[in-house]
Amino acid sequence: MWTFVHTRCTLARMSQDYFAGDDRTQHERMLAGDLYIADDPEIARLHHRGVSLADGYHRADVAGDPAARDILAELVGSLGDGAHVNPPLFVDYGTNLHIGARTFINYHLTALDVAAITIGEDCQIGPNVQLLTPTHPVEPGPRRDKLEAAKPIVIEDNVWLGGGVIVCPGVTIGKDSVVGAGSVVTKDIPPGVVAVGNPARVIREVE
């Protein structure tokens, strides 16, 4: 709720009206992938729901509560059969995160799912991976006025992301590829390759 109140104050001192003639809510702009400001009670409600369910999933899993998986299924947009997530899991909303069947996600995944994050089947996601869909303007004025947008991330089937990998907005990682630990993926990775580094680059094909 702090974000909502804080951003209302920000709107009051914006340098210009970026939304003149556009009667959509900020939430509708966010869903469309357009620039928006997180000053919307629906955005605040969905964020609170997401972080609350993520916290509830963590607590239930630690306690060995059989309801833990039901909480996870309620949190995310879709959860495939046999998929497993080691908590804690950090999301913006959860509803835009889709996890394929038999995928394993290790501790401390940060999935900022302002736009859709789609993780395919049989993936291996190492600890401390960050999947980041939000973007901000490079221009100082709109950035100061707290405008943001988002681009979807796609992790195709049977991808392995090593520990600490960061995947940037709009990136697709192709089927069967491997991204080395600590890499920062700023551009699409083709199927069936090994990529490492910052920024990540392809070093060989998967044999």
C-alpha atoms as a PDB file:
ATOM      1  CA  MET A   1       0.000   0.000   0.000  1.00  0.00           C
ATOM      2  CA  TRP A   2       2.992   2.280   0.574  1.00  0.00           C
ATOM      3  CA  THR A   3       3.747   2.079  -3.153  1.00  0.00           C
ATOM      4  CA  PHE A   4       0.214   3.167  -4.032  1.00  0.00           C
ATOM      5  CA  VAL A   5       0.208   6.150  -1.673  1.00  0.00           C
ATOM      6  CA  HIS A   6       3.760   7.139  -2.587  1.00  0.00           C
ATOM      7  CA  THR A   7       3.020   7.054  -6.307  1.00  0.00           C
ATOM      8  CA  ARG A   8      -0.130   9.156  -5.927  1.00  0.00           C
ATOM      9  CA  CYS A   9       2.168  11.846  -4.519  1.00  0.00           C
ATOM     10  CA  THR A  10       4.479  11.301  -7.494  1.00  0.00           C
ATOM     11  CA  LEU A  11       1.594  11.791  -9.942  1.00  0.00           C
ATOM     12  CA  ALA A  12       0.783  15.114  -8.331  1.00  0.00           C
ATOM     13  CA  ARG A  13       4.245  16.442  -9.220  1.00  0.00           C
ATOM     14  CA  MET A  14       4.745  14.823 -12.645  1.00  0.00           C
ATOM     15  CA  SER A  15       6.444  17.112 -15.130  1.00  0.00           C
ATOM     16  CA  GLN A  16       3.779  16.456 -17.790  1.00  0.00           C
ATOM     17  CA  ASP A  17       0.583  14.537 -18.442  1.00  0.00           C
ATOM     18  CA  TYR A  18       1.760  11.377 -20.204  1.00  0.00           C
ATOM     19  CA  PHE A  19      -1.742   9.927 -20.471  1.00  0.00           C
ATOM     20  CA  ALA A  20      -3.732  12.773 -22.032  1.00  0.00           C
ATOM     21  CA  GLY A  21      -6.553  11.352 -24.137  1.00  0.00           C
ATOM     22  CA  ASP A  22      -6.083   7.839 -22.762  1.00  0.00           C
ATOM     23  CA  ASP A  23      -8.896   6.920 -20.375  1.00  0.00           C
ATOM     24  CA  ARG A  24      -7.530   3.462 -19.472  1.00  0.00           C
ATOM     25  CA  THR A  25      -6.616   2.707 -15.891  1.00  0.00           C
ATOM     26  CA  GLN A  26      -2.961   2.280 -14.995  1.00  0.00           C
ATOM     27  CA  HIS A  27      -3.655  -1.418 -14.528  1.00  0.00           C
ATOM     28  CA  GLU A  28      -5.073  -1.680 -18.060  1.00  0.00           C
ATOM     29  CA  ARG A  29      -1.994   0.071 -19.440  1.00  0.00           C
ATOM     30  CA  MET A  30       0.229  -2.335 -17.514  1.00  0.00           C
ATOM     31  CA  LEU A  31      -1.569  -5.386 -18.941  1.00  0.00           C
ATOM     32  CA  ALA A  32      -1.234  -3.961 -22.463  1.00  0.00           C
ATOM     33  CA  GLY A  33       2.531  -3.604 -22.064  1.00  0.00           C
ATOM     34  CA  ASP A  34       2.357   0.187 -22.335  1.00  0.00           C
ATOM     35  CA  LEU A  35       3.963   2.777 -20.100  1.00  0.00           C
ATOM     36  CA  TYR A  36       2.096   3.147 -16.822  1.00  0.00           C
ATOM     37  CA  ILE A  37       2.509   4.320 -13.249  1.00  0.00           C
ATOM     38  CA  ALA A  38       1.752   1.926 -10.410  1.00  0.00           C
ATOM     39  CA  ASP A  39      -0.945   4.235  -9.028  1.00  0.00           C
ATOM     40  CA  ASP A  40      -3.952   1.945  -9.169  1.00  0.00           C
ATOM     41  CA  PRO A  41      -5.837   0.208  -6.355  1.00  0.00           C
ATOM     42  CA  GLU A  42      -6.172  -2.950  -8.478  1.00  0.00           C
ATOM     43  CA  ILE A  43      -2.392  -3.101  -8.930  1.00  0.00           C
ATOM     44  CA  ALA A  44      -1.943  -2.671  -5.180  1.00  0.00           C
ATOM     45  CA  ARG A  45      -4.523  -5.401  -4.464  1.00  0.00           C
ATOM     46  CA  LEU A  46      -2.922  -7.895  -6.848  1.00  0.00           C
ATOM     47  CA  HIS A  47       0.546  -7.189  -5.487  1.00  0.00           C
ATOM     48  CA  HIS A  48      -0.635  -7.712  -1.903  1.00  0.00           C
ATOM     49  CA  ARG A  49      -2.357 -10.957  -2.921  1.00  0.00           C
ATOM     50  CA  GLY A  50       0.823 -12.206  -4.603  1.00  0.00           C
ATOM     51  CA  VAL A  51       3.240 -11.482  -1.787  1.00  0.00           C
ATOM     52  CA  SER A  52       0.787 -12.830   0.797  1.00  0.00           C
ATOM     53  CA  LEU A  53       0.332 -16.132  -1.044  1.00  0.00           C
ATOM     54  CA  ALA A  54       4.093 -16.435  -1.619  1.00  0.00           C
ATOM     55  CA  ASP A  55       4.667 -15.957   2.103  1.00  0.00           C
ATOM     56  CA  GLY A  56       1.910 -18.456   2.901  1.00  0.00           C
ATOM     57  CA  TYR A  57       3.470 -21.005   0.541  1.00  0.00           C
ATOM     58  CA  HIS A  58       6.848 -20.610   2.239  1.00  0.00           C
ATOM     59  CA  ARG A  59       5.382 -21.075   5.706  1.00  0.00           C
ATOM     60  CA  ALA A  60       3.268 -24.065   4.679  1.00  0.00           C
ATOM     61  CA  ASP A  61       6.196 -25.774   2.951  1.00  0.00           C
ATOM     62  CA  VAL A  62       8.484 -25.302   5.971  1.00  0.00           C
ATOM     63  CA  ALA A  63       5.762 -26.698   8.221  1.00  0.00           C
ATOM     64  CA  GLY A  64       5.265 -29.733   5.977  1.00  0.00           C
ATOM     65  CA  ASP A  65       1.651 -28.729   5.386  1.00  0.00           C
ATOM     66  CA  PRO A  66       0.106 -30.755   2.516  1.00  0.00           C
ATOM     67  CA  ALA A  67      -1.773 -27.594   1.489  1.00  0.00           C
ATOM     68  CA  ALA A  68       1.490 -25.973   0.366  1.00  0.00           C
ATOM     69  CA  ARG A  69       1.098 -27.085  -3.238  1.00  0.00           C
ATOM     70  CA  ASP A  70      -2.490 -25.835  -3.334  1.00  0.00           C
ATOM     71  CA  ILE A  71      -1.270 -22.414  -2.180  1.00  0.00           C
ATOM     72  CA  LEU A  72       1.414 -22.405  -4.888  1.00  0.00           C
ATOM     73  CA  ALA A  73      -1.159 -23.372  -7.512  1.00  0.00           C
ATOM     74  CA  GLU A  74      -3.377 -20.515  -6.363  1.00  0.00           C
ATOM     75  CA  LEU A  75      -0.451 -18.069  -6.479  1.00  0.00           C
ATOM     76  CA  VAL A  76       0.813 -18.710 -10.013  1.00  0.00           C
ATOM     77  CA  GLY A  77      -0.968 -18.437 -13.338  1.00  0.00           C
ATOM     78  CA  SER A  78      -0.419 -22.126 -14.124  1.00  0.00           C
ATOM     79  CA  LEU A  79       1.492 -24.996 -12.505  1.00  0.00           C
ATOM     80  CA  GLY A  80       2.286 -28.159 -14.444  1.00  0.00           C
ATOM     81  CA  ASP A  81       2.117 -31.676 -13.071  1.00  0.00           C
ATOM     82  CA  GLY A  82       5.206 -32.627 -11.106  1.00  0.00           C
ATOM     83  CA  ALA A  83       6.621 -29.078 -11.048  1.00  0.00           C
ATOM     84  CA  HIS A  84       8.361 -28.136  -7.810  1.00  0.00           C
ATOM     85  CA  VAL A  85       9.431 -24.783  -6.373  1.00  0.00           C
ATOM     86  CA  ASN A  86      11.723 -24.542  -3.359  1.00  0.00           C
ATOM     87  CA  PRO A  87      10.650 -21.494  -1.349  1.00  0.00           C
ATOM     88  CA  PRO A  88      11.160 -18.680  -0.773  1.00  0.00           C
ATOM     89  CA  LEU A  89       9.691 -17.481  -4.052  1.00  0.00           C
ATOM     90  CA  PHE A  90       9.427 -13.736  -4.727  1.00  0.00           C
ATOM     91  CA  VAL A  91       6.905 -12.324  -7.211  1.00  0.00           C
ATOM     92  CA  ASP A  92       5.256  -9.052  -8.105  1.00  0.00           C
ATOM     93  CA  TYR A  93       1.860 -10.681  -8.730  1.00  0.00           C
ATOM     94  CA  GLY A  94       2.261 -14.412  -9.323  1.00  0.00           C
ATOM     95  CA  THR A  95      -0.657 -14.582 -11.745  1.00  0.00           C
ATOM     96  CA  ASN A  96       1.640 -13.878 -14.709  1.00  0.00           C
ATOM     97  CA  LEU A  97       4.071 -16.683 -13.806  1.00  0.00           C
ATOM     98  CA  HIS A  98       3.561 -19.991 -15.641  1.00  0.00           C
ATOM     99  CA  ILE A  99       5.555 -23.105 -14.702  1.00  0.00           C
ATOM    100  CA  GLY A 100       5.611 -26.192 -16.915  1.00  0.00           C
ATOM    101  CA  ALA A 101       5.354 -29.842 -15.937  1.00  0.00           C
ATOM    102  CA  ARG A 102       8.287 -31.495 -14.147  1.00  0.00           C
ATOM    103  CA  THR A 103      10.207 -28.229 -13.865  1.00  0.00           C
ATOM    104  CA  PHE A 104      12.365 -27.807 -10.770  1.00  0.00           C
ATOM    105  CA  ILE A 105      12.980 -24.329  -9.328  1.00  0.00           C
ATOM    106  CA  ASN A 106      15.521 -23.959  -6.557  1.00  0.00           C
ATOM    107  CA  TYR A 107      15.603 -21.465  -3.679  1.00  0.00           C
ATOM    108  CA  HIS A 108      15.107 -17.701  -4.006  1.00  0.00           C
ATOM    109  CA  LEU A 109      13.630 -17.328  -7.480  1.00  0.00           C
ATOM    110  CA  THR A 110      12.756 -13.676  -8.072  1.00  0.00           C
ATOM    111  CA  ALA A 111      10.098 -13.524 -10.794  1.00  0.00           C
ATOM    112  CA  LEU A 112       9.025  -9.923 -11.397  1.00  0.00           C
ATOM    113  CA  ASP A 113       5.989 -10.851 -13.438  1.00  0.00           C
ATOM    114  CA  VAL A 114       4.608  -7.480 -14.517  1.00  0.00           C
ATOM    115  CA  ALA A 115       4.454  -9.133 -17.942  1.00  0.00           C
ATOM    116  CA  ALA A 116       4.120 -12.869 -18.522  1.00  0.00           C
ATOM    117  CA  ILE A 117       6.955 -15.178 -17.470  1.00  0.00           C
ATOM    118  CA  THR A 118       6.591 -18.590 -19.095  1.00  0.00           C
ATOM    119  CA  ILE A 119       8.845 -21.431 -17.919  1.00  0.00           C
ATOM    120  CA  GLY A 120       8.519 -24.565 -20.035  1.00  0.00           C
ATOM    121  CA  GLU A 121       8.520 -28.244 -19.142  1.00  0.00           C
ATOM    122  CA  ASP A 122      11.471 -30.144 -17.638  1.00  0.00           C
ATOM    123  CA  CYS A 123      13.448 -26.995 -16.850  1.00  0.00           C
ATOM    124  CA  GLN A 124      16.079 -26.694 -14.120  1.00  0.00           C
ATOM    125  CA  ILE A 125      16.232 -23.269 -12.464  1.00  0.00           C
ATOM    126  CA  GLY A 126      19.163 -22.781 -10.087  1.00  0.00           C
ATOM    127  CA  PRO A 127      19.116 -20.821  -6.813  1.00  0.00           C
ATOM    128  CA  ASN A 128      18.944 -17.022  -6.802  1.00  0.00           C
ATOM    129  CA  VAL A 129      17.802 -16.741 -10.422  1.00  0.00           C
ATOM    130  CA  GLN A 130      16.143 -13.442 -11.391  1.00  0.00           C
ATOM    131  CA  LEU A 131      13.549 -13.221 -14.169  1.00  0.00           C
ATOM    132  CA  LEU A 132      12.916  -9.512 -14.656  1.00  0.00           C
ATOM    133  CA  THR A 133      10.168  -8.264 -16.988  1.00  0.00           C
ATOM    134  CA  PRO A 134       9.928  -4.576 -15.881  1.00  0.00           C
ATOM    135  CA  THR A 135      11.579  -1.816 -17.893  1.00  0.00           C
ATOM    136  CA  HIS A 136      12.056   1.893 -17.205  1.00  0.00           C
ATOM    137  CA  PRO A 137      12.684   4.810 -19.574  1.00  0.00           C
ATOM    138  CA  VAL A 138      16.290   5.748 -20.219  1.00  0.00           C
ATOM    139  CA  GLU A 139      15.259   9.414 -20.508  1.00  0.00           C
ATOM    140  CA  PRO A 140      15.655  11.110 -17.120  1.00  0.00           C
ATOM    141  CA  GLY A 141      12.329  12.998 -17.126  1.00  0.00           C
ATOM    142  CA  PRO A 142       9.904  10.062 -17.565  1.00  0.00           C
ATOM    143  CA  ARG A 143      12.082   7.922 -15.294  1.00  0.00           C
ATOM    144  CA  ARG A 144      11.920  10.602 -12.579  1.00  0.00           C
ATOM    145  CA  ASP A 145       8.150  10.611 -13.021  1.00  0.00           C
ATOM    146  CA  LYS A 146       8.128   6.863 -12.247  1.00  0.00           C
ATOM    147  CA  LEU A 147       6.923   5.575 -15.612  1.00  0.00           C
ATOM    148  CA  GLU A 148       7.531   1.898 -16.282  1.00  0.00           C
ATOM    149  CA  ALA A 149       6.500  -0.905 -18.618  1.00  0.00           C
ATOM    150  CA  ALA A 150       7.328  -4.598 -19.064  1.00  0.00           C
ATOM    151  CA  LYS A 151       8.266  -7.183 -21.700  1.00  0.00           C
ATOM    152  CA  PRO A 152       7.544 -10.928 -21.411  1.00  0.00           C
ATOM    153  CA  ILE A 153      10.165 -13.603 -20.743  1.00  0.00           C
ATOM    154  CA  VAL A 154      10.001 -17.115 -22.205  1.00  0.00           C
ATOM    155  CA  ILE A 155      12.110 -20.040 -20.977  1.00  0.00           C
ATOM    156  CA  GLU A 156      11.457 -22.901 -23.390  1.00  0.00           C
ATOM    157  CA  ASP A 157      11.397 -26.638 -22.528  1.00  0.00           C
ATOM    158  CA  ASN A 158      14.367 -28.421 -20.939  1.00  0.00           C
ATOM    159  CA  VAL A 159      16.395 -25.263 -20.256  1.00  0.00           C
ATOM    160  CA  TRP A 160      18.922 -25.195 -17.415  1.00  0.00           C
ATOM    161  CA  LEU A 161      19.631 -21.832 -15.787  1.00  0.00           C
ATOM    162  CA  GLY A 162      22.607 -21.971 -13.424  1.00  0.00           C
ATOM    163  CA  GLY A 163      22.609 -20.286 -10.037  1.00  0.00           C
ATOM    164  CA  GLY A 164      22.397 -16.514 -10.021  1.00  0.00           C
ATOM    165  CA  VAL A 165      21.405 -16.126 -13.682  1.00  0.00           C
ATOM    166  CA  ILE A 166      19.634 -12.853 -14.515  1.00  0.00           C
ATOM    167  CA  VAL A 167      17.232 -12.812 -17.475  1.00  0.00           C
ATOM    168  CA  CYS A 168      16.340  -9.339 -18.740  1.00  0.00           C
ATOM    169  CA  PRO A 169      13.003  -8.082 -20.146  1.00  0.00           C
ATOM    170  CA  GLY A 170      11.818  -9.460 -23.480  1.00  0.00           C
ATOM    171  CA  VAL A 171      14.272 -12.384 -23.625  1.00  0.00           C
ATOM    172  CA  THR A 172      13.500 -15.880 -24.931  1.00  0.00           C
ATOM    173  CA  ILE A 173      15.830 -18.778 -24.104  1.00  0.00           C
ATOM    174  CA  GLY A 174      15.513 -21.618 -26.600  1.00  0.00           C
ATOM    175  CA  LYS A 175      14.731 -25.261 -25.933  1.00  0.00           C
ATOM    176  CA  ASP A 176      17.493 -27.480 -24.472  1.00  0.00           C
ATOM    177  CA  SER A 177      19.884 -24.563 -23.867  1.00  0.00           C
ATOM    178  CA  VAL A 178      22.089 -24.082 -20.809  1.00  0.00           C
ATOM    179  CA  VAL A 179      22.999 -20.715 -19.268  1.00  0.00           C
ATOM    180  CA  GLY A 180      26.036 -20.721 -16.998  1.00  0.00           C
ATOM    181  CA  ALA A 181      25.905 -19.586 -13.386  1.00  0.00           C
ATOM    182  CA  GLY A 182      26.022 -15.837 -12.840  1.00  0.00           C
ATOM    183  CA  SER A 183      25.298 -14.958 -16.473  1.00  0.00           C
ATOM    184  CA  VAL A 184      23.234 -11.916 -17.455  1.00  0.00           C
ATOM    185  CA  VAL A 185      21.010 -12.665 -20.446  1.00  0.00           C
ATOM    186  CA  THR A 186      20.209  -9.473 -22.338  1.00  0.00           C
ATOM    187  CA  LYS A 187      19.278 -10.990 -25.737  1.00  0.00           C
ATOM    188  CA  ASP A 188      17.540 -14.118 -27.009  1.00  0.00           C
ATOM    189  CA  ILE A 189      19.453 -17.388 -26.735  1.00  0.00           C
ATOM    190  CA  PRO A 190      18.847 -19.934 -29.532  1.00  0.00           C
ATOM    191  CA  PRO A 191      17.897 -23.562 -28.861  1.00  0.00           C
ATOM    192  CA  GLY A 192      20.484 -26.182 -28.038  1.00  0.00           C
ATOM    193  CA  VAL A 193      23.451 -24.041 -26.980  1.00  0.00           C
ATOM    194  CA  VAL A 194      25.551 -23.200 -23.950  1.00  0.00           C
ATOM    195  CA  ALA A 195      25.764 -19.477 -23.106  1.00  0.00           C
ATOM    196  CA  VAL A 196      27.818 -17.799 -20.394  1.00  0.00           C
ATOM    197  CA  GLY A 197      28.992 -14.367 -19.286  1.00  0.00           C
ATOM    198  CA  ASN A 198      27.835 -10.788 -18.832  1.00  0.00           C
ATOM    199  CA  PRO A 199      26.314 -10.164 -21.253  1.00  0.00           C
ATOM    200  CA  ALA A 200      25.712 -13.844 -21.979  1.00  0.00           C
ATOM    201  CA  ARG A 201      27.117 -15.117 -25.273  1.00  0.00           C
ATOM    202  CA  VAL A 202      26.920 -18.522 -26.949  1.00  0.00           C
ATOM    203  CA  ILE A 203      30.149 -20.500 -26.562  1.00  0.00           C
ATOM    204  CA  ARG A 204      29.128 -23.820 -28.096  1.00  0.00           C
ATOM    205  CA  GLU A 205      26.291 -26.094 -29.110  1.00  0.00           C
ATOM    206  CA  VAL A 206      24.941 -28.739 -26.760  1.00  0.00           C
ATOM    207  CA  GLU A 207      26.306 -32.118 -27.850  1.00  0.00           C
END
